[in-house]
PDB file of N, CA and C in Angstrom:
ATOM      1  N   MET A   1     -20.040 -24.361   7.231  1.00  0.00           N
ATOM      2  CA  MET A   1     -20.053 -25.673   7.174  1.00  0.00           C
ATOM      3  C   MET A   1     -18.823 -25.804   5.806  1.00  0.00           C
ATOM      4  N   PRO A   2     -19.531 -25.131   4.953  1.00  0.00           N
ATOM      5  CA  PRO A   2     -18.722 -25.027   3.897  1.00  0.00           C
ATOM      6  C   PRO A   2     -16.941 -24.814   3.942  1.00  0.00           C
ATOM      7  N   ASN A   3     -16.642 -23.523   4.838  1.00  0.00           N
ATOM      8  CA  ASN A   3     -15.810 -23.065   5.037  1.00  0.00           C
ATOM      9  C   ASN A   3     -15.147 -24.020   5.849  1.00  0.00           C
ATOM     10  N   ASN A   4     -15.202 -24.739   6.766  1.00  0.00           N
ATOM     11  CA  ASN A   4     -14.639 -25.967   7.602  1.00  0.00           C
ATOM     12  C   ASN A   4     -14.352 -26.955   6.570  1.00  0.00           C
ATOM     13  N   LEU A   5     -15.454 -27.483   5.790  1.00  0.00           N
ATOM     14  CA  LEU A   5     -15.143 -28.223   4.975  1.00  0.00           C
ATOM     15  C   LEU A   5     -13.792 -27.873   3.730  1.00  0.00           C
ATOM     16  N   ASP A   6     -13.997 -26.772   3.117  1.00  0.00           N
ATOM     17  CA  ASP A   6     -12.945 -26.288   2.650  1.00  0.00           C
ATOM     18  C   ASP A   6     -11.587 -26.050   3.257  1.00  0.00           C
ATOM     19  N   LEU A   7     -11.741 -26.159   4.285  1.00  0.00           N
ATOM     20  CA  LEU A   7     -10.347 -26.401   4.990  1.00  0.00           C
ATOM     21  C   LEU A   7      -9.622 -28.058   5.623  1.00  0.00           C
ATOM     22  N   THR A   8     -11.296 -28.851   5.515  1.00  0.00           N
ATOM     23  CA  THR A   8     -10.411 -29.875   5.951  1.00  0.00           C
ATOM     24  C   THR A   8      -9.707 -30.464   4.480  1.00  0.00           C
ATOM     25  N   PHE A   9     -10.699 -30.438   3.452  1.00  0.00           N
ATOM     26  CA  PHE A   9      -9.840 -30.841   2.113  1.00  0.00           C
ATOM     27  C   PHE A   9      -9.126 -30.216   1.976  1.00  0.00           C
ATOM     28  N   LYS A  10      -8.564 -29.089   1.614  1.00  0.00           N
ATOM     29  CA  LYS A  10      -7.227 -28.394   1.699  1.00  0.00           C
ATOM     30  C   LYS A  10      -6.313 -28.395   3.128  1.00  0.00           C
ATOM     31  N   THR A  11      -6.389 -29.609   4.383  1.00  0.00           N
ATOM     32  CA  THR A  11      -5.579 -29.660   4.575  1.00  0.00           C
ATOM     33  C   THR A  11      -5.105 -31.297   4.242  1.00  0.00           C
ATOM     34  N   LEU A  12      -5.847 -32.282   3.981  1.00  0.00           N
ATOM     35  CA  LEU A  12      -5.608 -33.617   3.655  1.00  0.00           C
ATOM     36  C   LEU A  12      -5.474 -33.126   2.203  1.00  0.00           C
ATOM     37  N   ALA A  13      -5.016 -32.213   1.668  1.00  0.00           N
ATOM     38  CA  ALA A  13      -4.450 -32.255   0.234  1.00  0.00           C
ATOM     39  C   ALA A  13      -2.982 -32.676   0.686  1.00  0.00           C
ATOM     40  N   ASP A  14      -2.532 -32.171   1.556  1.00  0.00           N
ATOM     41  CA  ASP A  14      -1.257 -32.470   1.546  1.00  0.00           C
ATOM     42  C   ASP A  14      -0.851 -34.660   2.346  1.00  0.00           C
ATOM     43  N   PRO A  15       0.258 -34.979   1.477  1.00  0.00           N
ATOM     44  CA  PRO A  15       0.513 -36.287   1.683  1.00  0.00           C
ATOM     45  C   PRO A  15       0.883 -36.685   3.197  1.00  0.00           C
ATOM     46  N   THR A  16       1.990 -35.242   3.926  1.00  0.00           N
ATOM     47  CA  THR A  16       2.688 -35.560   4.820  1.00  0.00           C
ATOM     48  C   THR A  16       1.551 -35.921   6.146  1.00  0.00           C
ATOM     49  N   ARG A  17       0.647 -34.323   5.903  1.00  0.00           N
ATOM     50  CA  ARG A  17      -0.418 -35.103   6.845  1.00  0.00           C
ATOM     51  C   ARG A  17      -1.359 -35.761   6.832  1.00  0.00           C
ATOM     52  N   ARG A  18      -1.888 -36.789   5.500  1.00  0.00           N
ATOM     53  CA  ARG A  18      -2.269 -37.482   5.474  1.00  0.00           C
ATOM     54  C   ARG A  18      -1.637 -38.532   6.476  1.00  0.00           C
ATOM     55  N   ALA A  19      -0.456 -39.097   6.365  1.00  0.00           N
ATOM     56  CA  ALA A  19       0.749 -39.252   6.575  1.00  0.00           C
ATOM     57  C   ALA A  19       0.288 -40.132   7.909  1.00  0.00           C
ATOM     58  N   VAL A  20       0.587 -38.823   8.351  1.00  0.00           N
ATOM     59  CA  VAL A  20      -0.199 -37.999  10.200  1.00  0.00           C
ATOM     60  C   VAL A  20      -0.836 -38.837  10.591  1.00  0.00           C
ATOM     61  N   LEU A  21      -2.483 -38.383   9.914  1.00  0.00           N
ATOM     62  CA  LEU A  21      -3.664 -39.342  10.026  1.00  0.00           C
ATOM     63  C   LEU A  21      -4.210 -40.852  10.181  1.00  0.00           C
ATOM     64  N   ILE A  22      -3.643 -40.995   9.457  1.00  0.00           N
ATOM     65  CA  ILE A  22      -3.435 -43.031   8.832  1.00  0.00           C
ATOM     66  C   ILE A  22      -2.325 -43.462  10.223  1.00  0.00           C
ATOM     67  N   ARG A  23      -1.089 -42.444  10.347  1.00  0.00           N
ATOM     68  CA  ARG A  23      -0.499 -43.411  12.458  1.00  0.00           C
ATOM     69  C   ARG A  23      -1.238 -42.938  13.369  1.00  0.00           C
ATOM     70  N   LEU A  24      -2.254 -41.878  12.886  1.00  0.00           N
ATOM     71  CA  LEU A  24      -2.569 -41.971  14.415  1.00  0.00           C
ATOM     72  C   LEU A  24      -3.770 -42.015  14.798  1.00  0.00           C
ATOM     73  N   THR A  25      -4.620 -43.870  13.649  1.00  0.00           N
ATOM     74  CA  THR A  25      -5.509 -44.336  13.168  1.00  0.00           C
ATOM     75  C   THR A  25      -5.212 -45.242  14.583  1.00  0.00           C
ATOM     76  N   SER A  26      -3.837 -45.594  14.803  1.00  0.00           N
ATOM     77  CA  SER A  26      -3.131 -46.370  15.373  1.00  0.00           C
ATOM     78  C   SER A  26      -3.011 -46.106  17.471  1.00  0.00           C
ATOM     79  N   GLY A  27      -2.881 -45.055  17.149  1.00  0.00           N
ATOM     80  CA  GLY A  27      -3.689 -44.274  18.434  1.00  0.00           C
ATOM     81  C   GLY A  27      -3.062 -43.411  18.860  1.00  0.00           C
ATOM     82  N   PRO A  28      -2.564 -42.398  19.328  1.00  0.00           N
ATOM     83  CA  PRO A  28      -1.890 -41.452  19.964  1.00  0.00           C
ATOM     84  C   PRO A  28      -0.471 -41.609  19.641  1.00  0.00           C
ATOM     85  N   ALA A  29       0.307 -40.365  19.352  1.00  0.00           N
ATOM     86  CA  ALA A  29       1.784 -40.486  19.504  1.00  0.00           C
ATOM     87  C   ALA A  29       2.654 -39.276  19.676  1.00  0.00           C
ATOM     88  N   PRO A  30       3.405 -38.994  20.359  1.00  0.00           N
ATOM     89  CA  PRO A  30       4.443 -37.934  20.667  1.00  0.00           C
ATOM     90  C   PRO A  30       4.824 -37.280  19.126  1.00  0.00           C
ATOM     91  N   VAL A  31       4.754 -36.066  19.101  1.00  0.00           N
ATOM     92  CA  VAL A  31       5.314 -35.491  17.984  1.00  0.00           C
ATOM     93  C   VAL A  31       6.263 -35.623  17.628  1.00  0.00           C
ATOM     94  N   THR A  32       7.151 -35.789  17.957  1.00  0.00           N
ATOM     95  CA  THR A  32       8.805 -36.273  17.535  1.00  0.00           C
ATOM     96  C   THR A  32       8.769 -37.806  16.624  1.00  0.00           C
ATOM     97  N   ASP A  33       7.725 -38.504  17.228  1.00  0.00           N
ATOM     98  CA  ASP A  33       7.390 -39.572  17.381  1.00  0.00           C
ATOM     99  C   ASP A  33       6.528 -39.811  15.640  1.00  0.00           C
ATOM    100  N   LEU A  34       5.936 -38.774  15.733  1.00  0.00           N
ATOM    101  CA  LEU A  34       5.406 -38.755  14.521  1.00  0.00           C
ATOM    102  C   LEU A  34       6.225 -38.208  13.360  1.00  0.00           C
ATOM    103  N   ALA A  35       7.126 -37.034  13.882  1.00  0.00           N
ATOM    104  CA  ALA A  35       7.812 -36.365  13.125  1.00  0.00           C
ATOM    105  C   ALA A  35       9.095 -37.245  12.065  1.00  0.00           C
ATOM    106  N   ALA A  36       8.946 -37.725  12.762  1.00  0.00           N
ATOM    107  CA  ALA A  36      10.569 -39.038  12.254  1.00  0.00           C
ATOM    108  C   ALA A  36      10.726 -39.511  11.147  1.00  0.00           C
ATOM    109  N   PRO A  37       9.381 -40.098  10.213  1.00  0.00           N
ATOM    110  CA  PRO A  37      10.161 -41.009   9.065  1.00  0.00           C
ATOM    111  C   PRO A  37      10.286 -39.276   8.521  1.00  0.00           C
ATOM    112  N   PHE A  38       9.734 -37.959   8.845  1.00  0.00           N
ATOM    113  CA  PHE A  38      10.043 -37.389   7.483  1.00  0.00           C
ATOM    114  C   PHE A  38      11.647 -36.712   7.282  1.00  0.00           C
ATOM    115  N   ASP A  39      11.785 -36.019   6.327  1.00  0.00           N
ATOM    116  CA  ASP A  39      12.903 -35.528   6.434  1.00  0.00           C
ATOM    117  C   ASP A  39      12.481 -34.197   6.159  1.00  0.00           C
ATOM    118  N   MET A  40      12.145 -33.809   7.094  1.00  0.00           N
ATOM    119  CA  MET A  40      11.920 -31.995   7.801  1.00  0.00           C
ATOM    120  C   MET A  40      12.401 -31.637   9.192  1.00  0.00           C
ATOM    121  N   ALA A  41      12.536 -30.526   9.803  1.00  0.00           N
ATOM    122  CA  ALA A  41      13.152 -29.797  11.033  1.00  0.00           C
ATOM    123  C   ALA A  41      11.768 -30.228  11.983  1.00  0.00           C
ATOM    124  N   LEU A  42      12.043 -30.057  12.739  1.00  0.00           N
ATOM    125  CA  LEU A  42      10.569 -29.797  13.966  1.00  0.00           C
ATOM    126  C   LEU A  42       9.966 -29.099  13.387  1.00  0.00           C
ATOM    127  N   PRO A  43      10.554 -27.681  13.704  1.00  0.00           N
ATOM    128  CA  PRO A  43       9.288 -26.518  13.432  1.00  0.00           C
ATOM    129  C   PRO A  43       8.278 -26.879  12.467  1.00  0.00           C
ATOM    130  N   SER A  44       9.733 -26.998  11.150  1.00  0.00           N
ATOM    131  CA  SER A  44       8.582 -27.312   9.856  1.00  0.00           C
ATOM    132  C   SER A  44       7.036 -28.463  10.109  1.00  0.00           C
ATOM    133  N   PHE A  45       7.685 -29.394  10.543  1.00  0.00           N
ATOM    134  CA  PHE A  45       6.542 -30.621  10.721  1.00  0.00           C
ATOM    135  C   PHE A  45       5.634 -29.523  11.574  1.00  0.00           C
ATOM    136  N   MET A  46       5.689 -29.622  13.319  1.00  0.00           N
ATOM    137  CA  MET A  46       5.288 -28.631  13.991  1.00  0.00           C
ATOM    138  C   MET A  46       3.988 -27.409  13.160  1.00  0.00           C
ATOM    139  N   GLN A  47       4.313 -27.414  12.175  1.00  0.00           N
ATOM    140  CA  GLN A  47       3.347 -26.786  11.179  1.00  0.00           C
ATOM    141  C   GLN A  47       2.230 -27.219  10.476  1.00  0.00           C
ATOM    142  N   HIS A  48       2.440 -28.359  10.306  1.00  0.00           N
ATOM    143  CA  HIS A  48       1.155 -29.961   9.758  1.00  0.00           C
ATOM    144  C   HIS A  48       0.230 -30.062  10.543  1.00  0.00           C
ATOM    145  N   VAL A  49       1.169 -30.033  11.545  1.00  0.00           N
ATOM    146  CA  VAL A  49       0.120 -30.225  13.145  1.00  0.00           C
ATOM    147  C   VAL A  49      -0.850 -29.428  13.224  1.00  0.00           C
ATOM    148  N   ARG A  50      -0.035 -28.070  13.617  1.00  0.00           N
ATOM    149  CA  ARG A  50      -1.575 -27.159  13.975  1.00  0.00           C
ATOM    150  C   ARG A  50      -2.038 -26.691  12.632  1.00  0.00           C
ATOM    151  N   LEU A  51      -2.007 -26.586  11.235  1.00  0.00           N
ATOM    152  CA  LEU A  51      -2.903 -26.990  10.124  1.00  0.00           C
ATOM    153  C   LEU A  51      -3.654 -28.368  10.399  1.00  0.00           C
ATOM    154  N   LEU A  52      -3.659 -29.354  11.616  1.00  0.00           N
ATOM    155  CA  LEU A  52      -4.191 -30.210  11.482  1.00  0.00           C
ATOM    156  C   LEU A  52      -5.140 -29.944  12.171  1.00  0.00           C
ATOM    157  N   GLU A  53      -4.904 -29.133  13.698  1.00  0.00           N
ATOM    158  CA  GLU A  53      -5.337 -28.841  14.666  1.00  0.00           C
ATOM    159  C   GLU A  53      -6.476 -28.154  14.274  1.00  0.00           C
ATOM    160  N   ASP A  54      -5.966 -26.631  13.330  1.00  0.00           N
ATOM    161  CA  ASP A  54      -7.001 -25.774  13.082  1.00  0.00           C
ATOM    162  C   ASP A  54      -8.409 -26.369  11.806  1.00  0.00           C
ATOM    163  N   ALA A  55      -8.133 -27.545  11.724  1.00  0.00           N
ATOM    164  CA  ALA A  55      -8.982 -28.026  10.689  1.00  0.00           C
ATOM    165  C   ALA A  55      -9.731 -29.136  11.206  1.00  0.00           C
ATOM    166  N   GLY A  56      -9.471 -29.492  12.731  1.00  0.00           N
ATOM    167  CA  GLY A  56     -10.005 -30.141  13.503  1.00  0.00           C
ATOM    168  C   GLY A  56     -10.094 -31.298  13.485  1.00  0.00           C
ATOM    169  N   LEU A  57      -8.576 -31.977  13.128  1.00  0.00           N
ATOM    170  CA  LEU A  57      -8.962 -33.157  12.658  1.00  0.00           C
ATOM    171  C   LEU A  57      -8.080 -34.284  13.638  1.00  0.00           C
ATOM    172  N   VAL A  58      -6.710 -33.399  14.516  1.00  0.00           N
ATOM    173  CA  VAL A  58      -5.957 -34.239  15.543  1.00  0.00           C
ATOM    174  C   VAL A  58      -6.446 -32.761  16.908  1.00  0.00           C
ATOM    175  N   THR A  59      -6.182 -33.227  17.857  1.00  0.00           N
ATOM    176  CA  THR A  59      -5.994 -32.437  19.090  1.00  0.00           C
ATOM    177  C   THR A  59      -4.414 -32.496  19.493  1.00  0.00           C
ATOM    178  N   THR A  60      -3.842 -31.892  20.463  1.00  0.00           N
ATOM    179  CA  THR A  60      -2.404 -31.978  21.013  1.00  0.00           C
ATOM    180  C   THR A  60      -2.809 -31.623  22.661  1.00  0.00           C
ATOM    181  N   GLN A  61      -2.062 -32.759  23.330  1.00  0.00           N
ATOM    182  CA  GLN A  61      -2.213 -32.065  24.439  1.00  0.00           C
ATOM    183  C   GLN A  61      -0.341 -32.301  24.985  1.00  0.00           C
ATOM    184  N   LYS A  62      -0.187 -31.454  26.375  1.00  0.00           N
ATOM    185  CA  LYS A  62       1.146 -31.345  26.687  1.00  0.00           C
ATOM    186  C   LYS A  62       1.224 -32.283  28.264  1.00  0.00           C
ATOM    187  N   GLN A  63       2.139 -33.206  27.782  1.00  0.00           N
ATOM    188  CA  GLN A  63       2.549 -34.162  29.058  1.00  0.00           C
ATOM    189  C   GLN A  63       3.678 -33.921  29.763  1.00  0.00           C
ATOM    190  N   GLY A  64       4.288 -33.450  30.424  1.00  0.00           N
ATOM    191  CA  GLY A  64       5.473 -32.696  30.851  1.00  0.00           C
ATOM    192  C   GLY A  64       6.141 -32.082  29.613  1.00  0.00           C
ATOM    193  N   ARG A  65       6.924 -32.571  29.020  1.00  0.00           N
ATOM    194  CA  ARG A  65       7.958 -31.970  27.503  1.00  0.00           C
ATOM    195  C   ARG A  65       7.554 -33.266  26.744  1.00  0.00           C
ATOM    196  N   THR A  66       6.499 -33.254  26.238  1.00  0.00           N
ATOM    197  CA  THR A  66       6.122 -34.048  25.445  1.00  0.00           C
ATOM    198  C   THR A  66       4.786 -33.470  24.614  1.00  0.00           C
ATOM    199  N   ARG A  67       4.693 -33.630  23.620  1.00  0.00           N
ATOM    200  CA  ARG A  67       3.364 -32.614  23.455  1.00  0.00           C
ATOM    201  C   ARG A  67       2.155 -34.234  22.255  1.00  0.00           C
ATOM    202  N   ILE A  68       1.255 -34.489  22.571  1.00  0.00           N
ATOM    203  CA  ILE A  68       0.789 -35.768  22.508  1.00  0.00           C
ATOM    204  C   ILE A  68       0.347 -35.860  21.348  1.00  0.00           C
ATOM    205  N   CYS A  69      -0.826 -35.799  20.026  1.00  0.00           N
ATOM    206  CA  CYS A  69      -1.185 -35.933  19.278  1.00  0.00           C
ATOM    207  C   CYS A  69      -2.401 -36.901  19.233  1.00  0.00           C
ATOM    208  N   SER A  70      -3.351 -37.107  19.401  1.00  0.00           N
ATOM    209  CA  SER A  70      -4.846 -37.467  18.855  1.00  0.00           C
ATOM    210  C   SER A  70      -5.900 -37.639  17.674  1.00  0.00           C
ATOM    211  N   LEU A  71      -6.007 -38.537  16.981  1.00  0.00           N
ATOM    212  CA  LEU A  71      -7.044 -38.200  16.565  1.00  0.00           C
ATOM    213  C   LEU A  71      -8.557 -38.214  16.350  1.00  0.00           C
ATOM    214  N   GLU A  72      -9.470 -37.081  16.010  1.00  0.00           N
ATOM    215  CA  GLU A  72     -10.222 -36.858  16.393  1.00  0.00           C
ATOM    216  C   GLU A  72     -10.956 -37.285  15.596  1.00  0.00           C
ATOM    217  N   PRO A  73     -12.255 -37.995  16.538  1.00  0.00           N
ATOM    218  CA  PRO A  73     -12.852 -39.863  15.676  1.00  0.00           C
ATOM    219  C   PRO A  73     -14.576 -39.190  14.895  1.00  0.00           C
ATOM    220  N   ASP A  74     -14.690 -38.100  15.069  1.00  0.00           N
ATOM    221  CA  ASP A  74     -15.761 -37.776  14.771  1.00  0.00           C
ATOM    222  C   ASP A  74     -15.024 -36.540  13.304  1.00  0.00           C
ATOM    223  N   ALA A  75     -14.339 -36.005  13.192  1.00  0.00           N
ATOM    224  CA  ALA A  75     -13.375 -34.886  12.690  1.00  0.00           C
ATOM    225  C   ALA A  75     -13.554 -35.046  10.708  1.00  0.00           C
ATOM    226  N   LEU A  76     -13.909 -36.224  10.425  1.00  0.00           N
ATOM    227  CA  LEU A  76     -14.180 -36.200   8.648  1.00  0.00           C
ATOM    228  C   LEU A  76     -16.194 -36.610   8.721  1.00  0.00           C
ATOM    229  N   THR A  77     -17.029 -36.397   9.990  1.00  0.00           N
ATOM    230  CA  THR A  77     -18.561 -36.606   9.524  1.00  0.00           C
ATOM    231  C   THR A  77     -18.293 -35.613   9.053  1.00  0.00           C
ATOM    232  N   ASP A  78     -17.744 -34.877   8.286  1.00  0.00           N
ATOM    233  CA  ASP A  78     -18.752 -33.608   7.360  1.00  0.00           C
ATOM    234  C   ASP A  78     -18.080 -34.301   6.412  1.00  0.00           C
ATOM    235  N   VAL A  79     -16.778 -34.396   6.084  1.00  0.00           N
ATOM    236  CA  VAL A  79     -16.873 -34.454   4.742  1.00  0.00           C
ATOM    237  C   VAL A  79     -17.003 -36.592   4.302  1.00  0.00           C
ATOM    238  N   GLU A  80     -17.347 -36.936   5.302  1.00  0.00           N
ATOM    239  CA  GLU A  80     -18.524 -38.390   5.135  1.00  0.00           C
ATOM    240  C   GLU A  80     -19.679 -37.605   4.398  1.00  0.00           C
ATOM    241  N   ASN A  81     -20.369 -36.872   4.864  1.00  0.00           N
ATOM    242  CA  ASN A  81     -21.719 -36.656   4.663  1.00  0.00           C
ATOM    243  C   ASN A  81     -22.275 -35.651   3.439  1.00  0.00           C
ATOM    244  N   TRP A  82     -20.578 -34.960   2.978  1.00  0.00           N
ATOM    245  CA  TRP A  82     -20.930 -34.390   1.781  1.00  0.00           C
ATOM    246  C   TRP A  82     -20.970 -35.182   0.793  1.00  0.00           C
ATOM    247  N   LEU A  83     -19.844 -36.149   0.844  1.00  0.00           N
ATOM    248  CA  LEU A  83     -19.268 -37.224  -0.436  1.00  0.00           C
ATOM    249  C   LEU A  83     -20.450 -38.651  -0.436  1.00  0.00           C
ATOM    250  N   SER A  84     -21.176 -38.178   0.416  1.00  0.00           N
ATOM    251  CA  SER A  84     -22.228 -39.133   0.463  1.00  0.00           C
ATOM    252  C   SER A  84     -23.401 -38.546  -0.468  1.00  0.00           C
ATOM    253  N   ARG A  85     -23.715 -37.520  -0.286  1.00  0.00           N
ATOM    254  CA  ARG A  85     -24.699 -36.388  -0.495  1.00  0.00           C
ATOM    255  C   ARG A  85     -24.434 -36.278  -2.349  1.00  0.00           C
ATOM    256  N   GLN A  86     -23.186 -36.317  -2.460  1.00  0.00           N
ATOM    257  CA  GLN A  86     -22.545 -36.544  -3.665  1.00  0.00           C
ATOM    258  C   GLN A  86     -22.324 -37.368  -4.678  1.00  0.00           C
ATOM    259  N   ARG A  87     -22.317 -38.686  -4.282  1.00  0.00           N
ATOM    260  CA  ARG A  87     -22.526 -39.803  -4.720  1.00  0.00           C
ATOM    261  C   ARG A  87     -23.802 -40.219  -4.988  1.00  0.00           C
ATOM    262  N   SER A  88     -24.665 -39.603  -4.060  1.00  0.00           N
ATOM    263  CA  SER A  88     -26.582 -39.560  -4.427  1.00  0.00           C
ATOM    264  C   SER A  88     -26.402 -39.017  -5.719  1.00  0.00           C
ATOM    265  N   ALA A  89     -26.337 -38.002  -5.571  1.00  0.00           N
ATOM    266  CA  ALA A  89     -26.750 -37.549  -6.936  1.00  0.00           C
ATOM    267  C   ALA A  89     -26.068 -37.943  -8.266  1.00  0.00           C
ATOM    268  N   TRP A  90     -24.913 -38.026  -7.975  1.00  0.00           N
ATOM    269  CA  TRP A  90     -23.789 -38.345  -9.515  1.00  0.00           C
ATOM    270  C   TRP A  90     -24.455 -39.779  -9.786  1.00  0.00           C
ATOM    271  N   ASN A  91     -25.611 -40.664  -9.123  1.00  0.00           N
ATOM    272  CA  ASN A  91     -25.510 -41.917  -9.049  1.00  0.00           C
ATOM    273  C   ASN A  91     -26.934 -41.737  -9.341  1.00  0.00           C
ATOM    274  N   ALA A  92     -27.872 -41.031  -9.179  1.00  0.00           N
ATOM    275  CA  ALA A  92     -29.036 -39.910  -9.749  1.00  0.00           C
ATOM    276  C   ALA A  92     -28.938 -39.846 -11.113  1.00  0.00           C
ATOM    277  N   ARG A  93     -28.143 -38.686 -11.638  1.00  0.00           N
ATOM    278  CA  ARG A  93     -27.471 -38.746 -12.609  1.00  0.00           C
ATOM    279  C   ARG A  93     -27.500 -39.347 -13.737  1.00  0.00           C
ATOM    280  N   PHE A  94     -26.566 -40.888 -13.757  1.00  0.00           N
ATOM    281  CA  PHE A  94     -26.415 -41.945 -14.263  1.00  0.00           C
ATOM    282  C   PHE A  94     -27.041 -42.286 -14.387  1.00  0.00           C
ATOM    283  N   ASP A  95     -28.179 -43.174 -14.020  1.00  0.00           N
ATOM    284  CA  ASP A  95     -29.557 -43.931 -13.696  1.00  0.00           C
ATOM    285  C   ASP A  95     -30.482 -43.150 -14.454  1.00  0.00           C
ATOM    286  N   ARG A  96     -30.779 -41.438 -14.920  1.00  0.00           N
ATOM    287  CA  ARG A  96     -31.378 -40.612 -15.655  1.00  0.00           C
ATOM    288  C   ARG A  96     -30.507 -40.981 -17.062  1.00  0.00           C
ATOM    289  N   LEU A  97     -29.673 -40.401 -17.170  1.00  0.00           N
ATOM    290  CA  LEU A  97     -28.767 -40.713 -18.083  1.00  0.00           C
ATOM    291  C   LEU A  97     -29.275 -42.418 -18.846  1.00  0.00           C
ATOM    292  N   GLU A  98     -28.564 -43.235 -17.966  1.00  0.00           N
ATOM    293  CA  GLU A  98     -29.143 -44.630 -18.672  1.00  0.00           C
ATOM    294  C   GLU A  98     -30.174 -44.829 -19.372  1.00  0.00           C
ATOM    295  N   THR A  99     -31.328 -44.529 -18.058  1.00  0.00           N
ATOM    296  CA  THR A  99     -33.143 -44.500 -19.061  1.00  0.00           C
ATOM    297  C   THR A  99     -32.948 -43.899 -20.156  1.00  0.00           C
ATOM    298  N   TYR A 100     -32.331 -42.307 -19.584  1.00  0.00           N
ATOM    299  CA  TYR A 100     -32.888 -41.826 -21.617  1.00  0.00           C
ATOM    300  C   TYR A 100     -31.997 -42.864 -22.676  1.00  0.00           C
ATOM    301  N   LEU A 101     -30.479 -42.906 -22.348  1.00  0.00           N
ATOM    302  CA  LEU A 101     -29.736 -43.578 -23.537  1.00  0.00           C
ATOM    303  C   LEU A 101     -30.427 -44.733 -24.005  1.00  0.00           C
ATOM    304  N   ASP A 102     -31.513 -45.274 -22.869  1.00  0.00           N
ATOM    305  CA  ASP A 102     -32.439 -47.334 -23.247  1.00  0.00           C
ATOM    306  C   ASP A 102     -33.188 -46.664 -23.977  1.00  0.00           C
ATOM    307  N   GLY A 103     -34.061 -45.488 -23.923  1.00  0.00           N
ATOM    308  CA  GLY A 103     -35.052 -45.103 -24.325  1.00  0.00           C
ATOM    309  C   GLY A 103     -34.442 -44.462 -26.051  1.00  0.00           C
ATOM    310  N   GLU A 104     -33.526 -44.163 -26.085  1.00  0.00           N
ATOM    311  CA  GLU A 104     -32.677 -44.119 -27.318  1.00  0.00           C
ATOM    312  C   GLU A 104     -32.026 -45.250 -28.168  1.00  0.00           C
ATOM    313  N   THR A 105     -31.367 -46.141 -27.454  1.00  0.00           N
ATOM    314  CA  THR A 105     -31.106 -47.305 -28.494  1.00  0.00           C
ATOM    315  C   THR A 105     -32.539 -47.861 -29.338  1.00  0.00           C
ATOM    316  N   SER A 106     -33.888 -48.276 -28.072  1.00  0.00           N
ATOM    317  CA  SER A 106     -35.201 -48.686 -28.439  1.00  0.00           C
ATOM    318  C   SER A 106     -36.381 -48.196 -29.916  1.00  0.00           C
ATOM    319  N   ASP A 107     -35.675 -46.929 -29.882  1.00  0.00           N
ATOM    320  CA  ASP A 107     -36.153 -46.081 -31.152  1.00  0.00           C
ATOM    321  C   ASP A 107     -35.807 -46.270 -32.312  1.00  0.00           C
ATOM    322  N   ASP A 108     -34.120 -46.564 -32.129  1.00  0.00           N
ATOM    323  CA  ASP A 108     -32.923 -46.746 -32.931  1.00  0.00           C
ATOM    324  C   ASP A 108     -33.380 -48.374 -33.254  1.00  0.00           C
ATOM    325  N   ALA A 109     -34.210 -49.350 -32.362  1.00  0.00           N
ATOM    326  CA  ALA A 109     -34.262 -50.514 -33.243  1.00  0.00           C
ATOM    327  C   ALA A 109     -34.722 -51.128 -33.953  1.00  0.00           C
TER     328      ALA A 109
END
């Protein structure tokens, strides 16, 4: 899982790939439509699509001469779970710090 998590975060680090994922929340789309807003050649854009596929964030399938991209609905579950665990751990640390600081303040009074 850590390697998959690393790959997912690395993939999400690029603004072009994040924009593609946001667009795909509206539904599947042809690669040419996804590439249109970006100032890059289609082969360069396809590298982004391949990285999204490798990370398991999207799937593509060929329909005739058109390649259609779809968002993988459960692809970010590992990221969400990891972030949730980190949030809980940090909240617990902050709670302990608050308790400690409250104790220090009452000792000074």
